[in-house]
Amino acid sequence: MQTLPKEKRYETLSYLPPLSDAQITKQIQYIISQGFFPAIEFNETSDPTVCYWTMWKLPLFDAKSPQEVMSEVQACRSSYPNCFIRVVGFDNIKQCQVAMFIVHKPNRM
């Protein structure tokens, strides 16, 4: 058995290679199918001690398809190419984030 190389880990799925847009779409589909509200957040750092990320617009309460969310992810990538971008899923019953994963890492790393 081999251990993973020491490198900075970010959030859920961070041990995997970067997700393709098709894989991100499947994760967003899962968030929507569970009844969670997707939202997009960005930040200049992914430091785990930083608790506050900036939300890209409002949560997508009316999102019915992952393509709607992906179009907002693409818009956020275009506007903030030097930031980390993540998709989160909000549970309106528990009133908290129940899913989150990085969808964009800047090239400056």
Protein backbone atom coordinates (compact mmCIF):
# COMPACT_ATOMS: atom_id res chain seq x y z
CA MET A 1 0.00 0.00 0.00
CA GLN A 2 1.25 3.44 -0.87
CA THR A 3 0.34 6.67 0.88
CA LEU A 4 -0.77 9.69 -1.07
CA PRO A 5 1.91 12.32 -1.69
CA LYS A 6 1.85 15.21 0.75
CA GLU A 7 -0.01 18.07 -0.87
CA LYS A 8 -2.63 20.60 0.08
CA ARG A 9 -6.12 19.11 0.34
CA TYR A 10 -9.16 21.29 -0.08
CA GLU A 11 -12.58 19.79 0.52
CA THR A 12 -14.74 16.86 -0.46
CA LEU A 13 -13.32 14.92 -3.41
CA SER A 14 -10.00 16.81 -3.15
CA TYR A 15 -8.04 13.55 -3.17
CA LEU A 16 -9.27 12.86 -6.70
CA PRO A 17 -7.86 14.39 -9.88
CA PRO A 18 -9.73 17.55 -10.94
CA LEU A 19 -13.29 16.77 -11.95
CA SER A 20 -14.32 17.23 -15.56
CA ASP A 21 -17.37 19.34 -16.32
CA ALA A 22 -19.32 16.11 -16.98
CA GLN A 23 -18.37 14.80 -13.53
CA ILE A 24 -19.24 18.13 -11.91
CA THR A 25 -22.61 18.00 -13.67
CA LYS A 26 -23.29 14.57 -12.13
CA GLN A 27 -22.45 15.85 -8.65
CA ILE A 28 -24.77 18.83 -9.16
CA GLN A 29 -27.49 16.47 -10.38
CA TYR A 30 -27.14 14.55 -7.11
CA ILE A 31 -27.45 17.77 -5.08
CA ILE A 32 -30.62 18.74 -6.94
CA SER A 33 -32.11 15.21 -6.78
CA GLN A 34 -31.69 15.19 -2.99
CA GLY A 35 -33.76 18.39 -2.74
CA PHE A 36 -30.80 20.57 -1.76
CA PHE A 37 -30.34 24.07 -3.14
CA PRO A 38 -27.09 24.54 -5.11
CA ALA A 39 -25.01 27.68 -4.72
CA ILE A 40 -21.65 28.82 -6.02
CA GLU A 41 -19.00 30.43 -3.85
CA PHE A 42 -15.52 31.79 -4.57
CA ASN A 43 -12.50 32.87 -2.57
CA GLU A 44 -8.89 33.83 -3.19
CA THR A 45 -7.69 31.11 -0.82
CA SER A 46 -8.93 27.67 0.12
CA ASP A 47 -7.32 27.86 3.56
CA PRO A 48 -9.48 25.72 5.89
CA THR A 49 -9.22 28.37 8.62
CA VAL A 50 -11.06 30.84 6.37
CA CYS A 51 -14.71 30.32 7.16
CA TYR A 52 -16.24 32.85 4.81
CA TRP A 53 -16.44 32.55 1.05
CA THR A 54 -18.17 35.07 -1.20
CA MET A 55 -21.38 33.80 -2.74
CA TRP A 56 -21.78 34.11 -6.50
CA LYS A 57 -25.24 35.66 -6.78
CA LEU A 58 -27.93 34.02 -4.64
CA PRO A 59 -28.41 30.28 -4.12
CA LEU A 60 -30.08 28.75 -7.16
CA PHE A 61 -33.42 27.99 -5.47
CA ASP A 62 -35.23 27.43 -8.76
CA ALA A 63 -32.56 25.28 -10.44
CA LYS A 64 -34.22 22.26 -12.04
CA SER A 65 -31.26 21.02 -14.08
CA PRO A 66 -27.51 20.83 -13.52
CA GLN A 67 -26.97 22.76 -16.78
CA GLU A 68 -28.45 25.87 -15.14
CA VAL A 69 -25.91 25.60 -12.32
CA MET A 70 -23.05 24.81 -14.70
CA SER A 71 -23.76 27.97 -16.71
CA GLU A 72 -23.34 29.97 -13.48
CA VAL A 73 -20.14 28.05 -12.67
CA GLN A 74 -18.79 29.00 -16.11
CA ALA A 75 -19.75 32.64 -15.57
CA CYS A 76 -18.01 32.65 -12.18
CA ARG A 77 -14.91 31.03 -13.71
CA SER A 78 -14.83 33.77 -16.36
CA SER A 79 -15.21 36.57 -13.83
CA TYR A 80 -12.83 35.18 -11.18
CA PRO A 81 -10.22 32.97 -12.90
CA ASN A 82 -7.69 33.51 -10.08
CA CYS A 83 -10.02 32.31 -7.32
CA PHE A 84 -11.04 28.96 -5.94
CA ILE A 85 -14.64 28.19 -6.84
CA ARG A 86 -16.85 25.64 -5.16
CA VAL A 87 -20.38 24.35 -5.46
CA VAL A 88 -22.30 23.87 -2.23
CA GLY A 89 -25.63 22.22 -1.49
CA PHE A 90 -27.89 23.77 1.15
CA ASP A 91 -30.40 21.67 3.09
CA ASN A 92 -33.38 23.88 3.88
CA ILE A 93 -34.56 21.51 6.65
CA LYS A 94 -31.24 21.32 8.54
CA GLN A 95 -30.44 24.93 7.60
CA CYS A 96 -26.84 24.19 6.70
CA GLN A 97 -24.47 23.18 3.92
CA VAL A 98 -24.54 19.43 3.40
CA ALA A 99 -22.36 19.13 0.29
CA MET A 100 -19.47 21.13 -1.12
CA PHE A 101 -16.67 20.54 -3.54
CA ILE A 102 -14.10 22.56 -5.46
CA VAL A 103 -14.87 23.04 -9.17
CA HIS A 104 -12.05 25.44 -10.06
CA LYS A 105 -8.50 25.91 -8.80
CA PRO A 106 -6.43 28.86 -10.03
CA ASN A 107 -3.29 28.16 -12.04
CA ARG A 108 -1.07 30.08 -9.64
CA MET A 109 -0.61 27.13 -7.28
